[in-house]
Amino acid sequence: MPQKYTEARKNGNRKWDAANLDRMSIALPKGRREEIKAFAASQGESANAFISRAIEEAMRRGGWIFTE
């Protein structure tokens, strides 16, 4: 039997997200979002994981040193 996603669980997840994650919104040409999602899925990743990894790789190539 699937576990129920309770309000307490939702609130706990929101609290953890607020304490541990930053959010950023980007504007893309129409249709690009679906292309990114499809490509990421074809690589076994979520769109978020793909975008985060691509940005980090580009920054490292540019000489950026992450502090964490």
N, C-alpha and C. Protein backbone atom coordinates (compact mmCIF):
# COMPACT_ATOMS: atom_id res chain seq x y z
N MET A 1 0.84 -1.18 0.00
CA MET A 1 0.00 0.00 0.00
C MET A 1 0.89 1.25 0.00
N PRO A 2 0.62 2.21 -0.90
CA PRO A 2 1.45 3.42 -0.96
C PRO A 2 1.32 4.26 0.30
N GLN A 3 2.42 4.90 0.66
CA GLN A 3 2.39 5.77 1.83
C GLN A 3 1.64 7.05 1.50
N LYS A 4 0.91 7.56 2.47
CA LYS A 4 0.16 8.79 2.29
C LYS A 4 1.10 9.99 2.48
N TYR A 5 1.00 10.94 1.58
CA TYR A 5 1.79 12.17 1.66
C TYR A 5 1.00 13.16 2.51
N THR A 6 1.29 13.20 3.79
CA THR A 6 0.50 13.97 4.75
C THR A 6 0.87 15.46 4.72
N GLU A 7 0.00 16.25 5.30
CA GLU A 7 0.28 17.69 5.44
C GLU A 7 1.54 17.91 6.27
N ALA A 8 1.74 17.09 7.30
CA ALA A 8 2.95 17.22 8.12
C ALA A 8 4.19 16.96 7.28
N ARG A 9 4.13 15.96 6.41
CA ARG A 9 5.27 15.66 5.54
C ARG A 9 5.51 16.82 4.58
N LYS A 10 4.44 17.36 3.99
CA LYS A 10 4.57 18.50 3.08
C LYS A 10 5.21 19.69 3.79
N ASN A 11 4.73 19.98 5.00
CA ASN A 11 5.28 21.10 5.75
C ASN A 11 6.73 20.87 6.12
N GLY A 12 7.07 19.65 6.49
CA GLY A 12 8.46 19.33 6.80
C GLY A 12 9.36 19.50 5.58
N ASN A 13 8.88 19.05 4.44
CA ASN A 13 9.66 19.20 3.20
C ASN A 13 9.85 20.67 2.84
N ARG A 14 8.79 21.46 2.98
CA ARG A 14 8.89 22.90 2.69
C ARG A 14 9.90 23.57 3.62
N LYS A 15 9.86 23.20 4.89
CA LYS A 15 10.78 23.79 5.87
C LYS A 15 12.23 23.43 5.52
N TRP A 16 12.47 22.16 5.17
CA TRP A 16 13.82 21.74 4.80
C TRP A 16 14.27 22.47 3.54
N ASP A 17 13.39 22.55 2.53
CA ASP A 17 13.73 23.26 1.29
C ASP A 17 14.12 24.70 1.57
N ALA A 18 13.33 25.39 2.40
CA ALA A 18 13.59 26.80 2.70
C ALA A 18 14.94 26.98 3.38
N ALA A 19 15.33 26.03 4.20
CA ALA A 19 16.59 26.14 4.94
C ALA A 19 17.80 25.72 4.11
N ASN A 20 17.60 24.89 3.08
CA ASN A 20 18.73 24.27 2.39
C ASN A 20 18.84 24.55 0.90
N LEU A 21 17.85 25.16 0.30
CA LEU A 21 17.86 25.35 -1.14
C LEU A 21 17.60 26.81 -1.51
N ASP A 22 18.24 27.25 -2.58
CA ASP A 22 17.90 28.53 -3.20
C ASP A 22 17.12 28.22 -4.46
N ARG A 23 16.24 29.10 -4.84
CA ARG A 23 15.46 28.91 -6.07
C ARG A 23 15.80 30.03 -7.04
N MET A 24 15.76 29.69 -8.33
CA MET A 24 16.04 30.65 -9.39
C MET A 24 15.08 30.36 -10.53
N SER A 25 14.54 31.39 -11.10
CA SER A 25 13.63 31.24 -12.23
C SER A 25 14.34 31.73 -13.49
N ILE A 26 14.17 31.01 -14.60
CA ILE A 26 14.76 31.45 -15.86
C ILE A 26 13.68 31.50 -16.93
N ALA A 27 13.87 32.35 -17.92
CA ALA A 27 12.95 32.45 -19.05
C ALA A 27 13.60 31.76 -20.24
N LEU A 28 12.83 30.90 -20.90
CA LEU A 28 13.32 30.13 -22.04
C LEU A 28 12.41 30.35 -23.23
N PRO A 29 12.93 30.19 -24.44
CA PRO A 29 12.05 30.25 -25.61
C PRO A 29 10.99 29.14 -25.51
N LYS A 30 9.80 29.41 -26.04
CA LYS A 30 8.73 28.42 -26.02
C LYS A 30 9.24 27.10 -26.57
N GLY A 31 8.91 26.03 -25.89
CA GLY A 31 9.30 24.69 -26.32
C GLY A 31 10.61 24.20 -25.76
N ARG A 32 11.47 25.10 -25.32
CA ARG A 32 12.79 24.70 -24.83
C ARG A 32 12.69 23.88 -23.55
N ARG A 33 11.76 24.24 -22.68
CA ARG A 33 11.60 23.51 -21.42
C ARG A 33 11.35 22.03 -21.68
N GLU A 34 10.47 21.73 -22.61
CA GLU A 34 10.17 20.33 -22.92
C GLU A 34 11.37 19.63 -23.54
N GLU A 35 12.14 20.36 -24.36
CA GLU A 35 13.36 19.77 -24.94
C GLU A 35 14.36 19.43 -23.84
N ILE A 36 14.53 20.32 -22.89
CA ILE A 36 15.46 20.08 -21.78
C ILE A 36 15.00 18.88 -20.96
N LYS A 37 13.70 18.83 -20.65
CA LYS A 37 13.17 17.71 -19.87
C LYS A 37 13.37 16.39 -20.61
N ALA A 38 13.13 16.38 -21.92
CA ALA A 38 13.28 15.15 -22.71
C ALA A 38 14.74 14.73 -22.76
N PHE A 39 15.65 15.68 -22.98
CA PHE A 39 17.07 15.34 -23.03
C PHE A 39 17.54 14.81 -21.69
N ALA A 40 17.18 15.49 -20.63
CA ALA A 40 17.60 15.06 -19.29
C ALA A 40 17.10 13.64 -19.02
N ALA A 41 15.85 13.38 -19.35
CA ALA A 41 15.28 12.04 -19.14
C ALA A 41 16.03 11.00 -19.95
N SER A 42 16.44 11.36 -21.17
CA SER A 42 17.18 10.40 -22.00
C SER A 42 18.55 10.08 -21.41
N GLN A 43 19.04 10.96 -20.53
CA GLN A 43 20.33 10.75 -19.87
C GLN A 43 20.15 10.19 -18.46
N GLY A 44 18.90 9.90 -18.10
CA GLY A 44 18.62 9.34 -16.77
C GLY A 44 18.64 10.36 -15.65
N GLU A 45 18.40 11.63 -15.98
CA GLU A 45 18.42 12.70 -14.99
C GLU A 45 17.09 13.45 -14.99
N SER A 46 16.83 14.14 -13.90
CA SER A 46 15.72 15.09 -13.90
C SER A 46 16.21 16.36 -14.59
N ALA A 47 15.28 17.20 -15.00
CA ALA A 47 15.66 18.47 -15.61
C ALA A 47 16.46 19.31 -14.62
N ASN A 48 16.06 19.31 -13.36
CA ASN A 48 16.78 20.08 -12.35
C ASN A 48 18.21 19.59 -12.18
N ALA A 49 18.39 18.28 -12.10
CA ALA A 49 19.74 17.73 -11.94
C ALA A 49 20.60 18.05 -13.16
N PHE A 50 20.02 17.93 -14.35
CA PHE A 50 20.77 18.23 -15.58
C PHE A 50 21.20 19.69 -15.61
N ILE A 51 20.26 20.60 -15.35
CA ILE A 51 20.57 22.03 -15.40
C ILE A 51 21.62 22.39 -14.34
N SER A 52 21.46 21.88 -13.14
CA SER A 52 22.42 22.16 -12.06
C SER A 52 23.81 21.66 -12.43
N ARG A 53 23.89 20.44 -12.97
CA ARG A 53 25.18 19.88 -13.35
C ARG A 53 25.80 20.66 -14.51
N ALA A 54 25.00 21.03 -15.51
CA ALA A 54 25.52 21.77 -16.66
C ALA A 54 26.08 23.12 -16.23
N ILE A 55 25.38 23.80 -15.35
CA ILE A 55 25.86 25.09 -14.85
C ILE A 55 27.15 24.91 -14.07
N GLU A 56 27.19 23.93 -13.18
CA GLU A 56 28.39 23.70 -12.38
C GLU A 56 29.59 23.36 -13.27
N GLU A 57 29.38 22.50 -14.27
CA GLU A 57 30.47 22.15 -15.18
C GLU A 57 30.98 23.36 -15.94
N ALA A 58 30.08 24.21 -16.43
CA ALA A 58 30.49 25.42 -17.15
C ALA A 58 31.27 26.36 -16.24
N MET A 59 30.82 26.51 -15.00
CA MET A 59 31.52 27.38 -14.07
C MET A 59 32.91 26.84 -13.73
N ARG A 60 33.04 25.53 -13.56
CA ARG A 60 34.35 24.94 -13.27
C ARG A 60 35.30 25.14 -14.46
N ARG A 61 34.78 24.95 -15.68
CA ARG A 61 35.61 25.18 -16.88
C ARG A 61 36.07 26.63 -16.94
N GLY A 62 35.26 27.54 -16.42
CA GLY A 62 35.60 28.95 -16.40
C GLY A 62 36.52 29.34 -15.26
N GLY A 63 36.93 28.36 -14.47
CA GLY A 63 37.87 28.62 -13.39
C GLY A 63 37.23 28.92 -12.04
N TRP A 64 35.92 28.79 -11.95
CA TRP A 64 35.24 29.05 -10.68
C TRP A 64 35.55 27.95 -9.69
N ILE A 65 35.86 28.33 -8.46
CA ILE A 65 36.13 27.37 -7.40
C ILE A 65 34.98 27.47 -6.40
N PHE A 66 34.27 26.38 -6.20
CA PHE A 66 33.14 26.36 -5.28
C PHE A 66 33.64 26.24 -3.85
N THR A 67 32.96 26.91 -2.93
CA THR A 67 33.38 26.91 -1.53
C THR A 67 32.84 25.73 -0.75
N GLU A 68 31.84 25.03 -1.26
CA GLU A 68 31.32 23.87 -0.53
C GLU A 68 31.63 22.60 -1.26
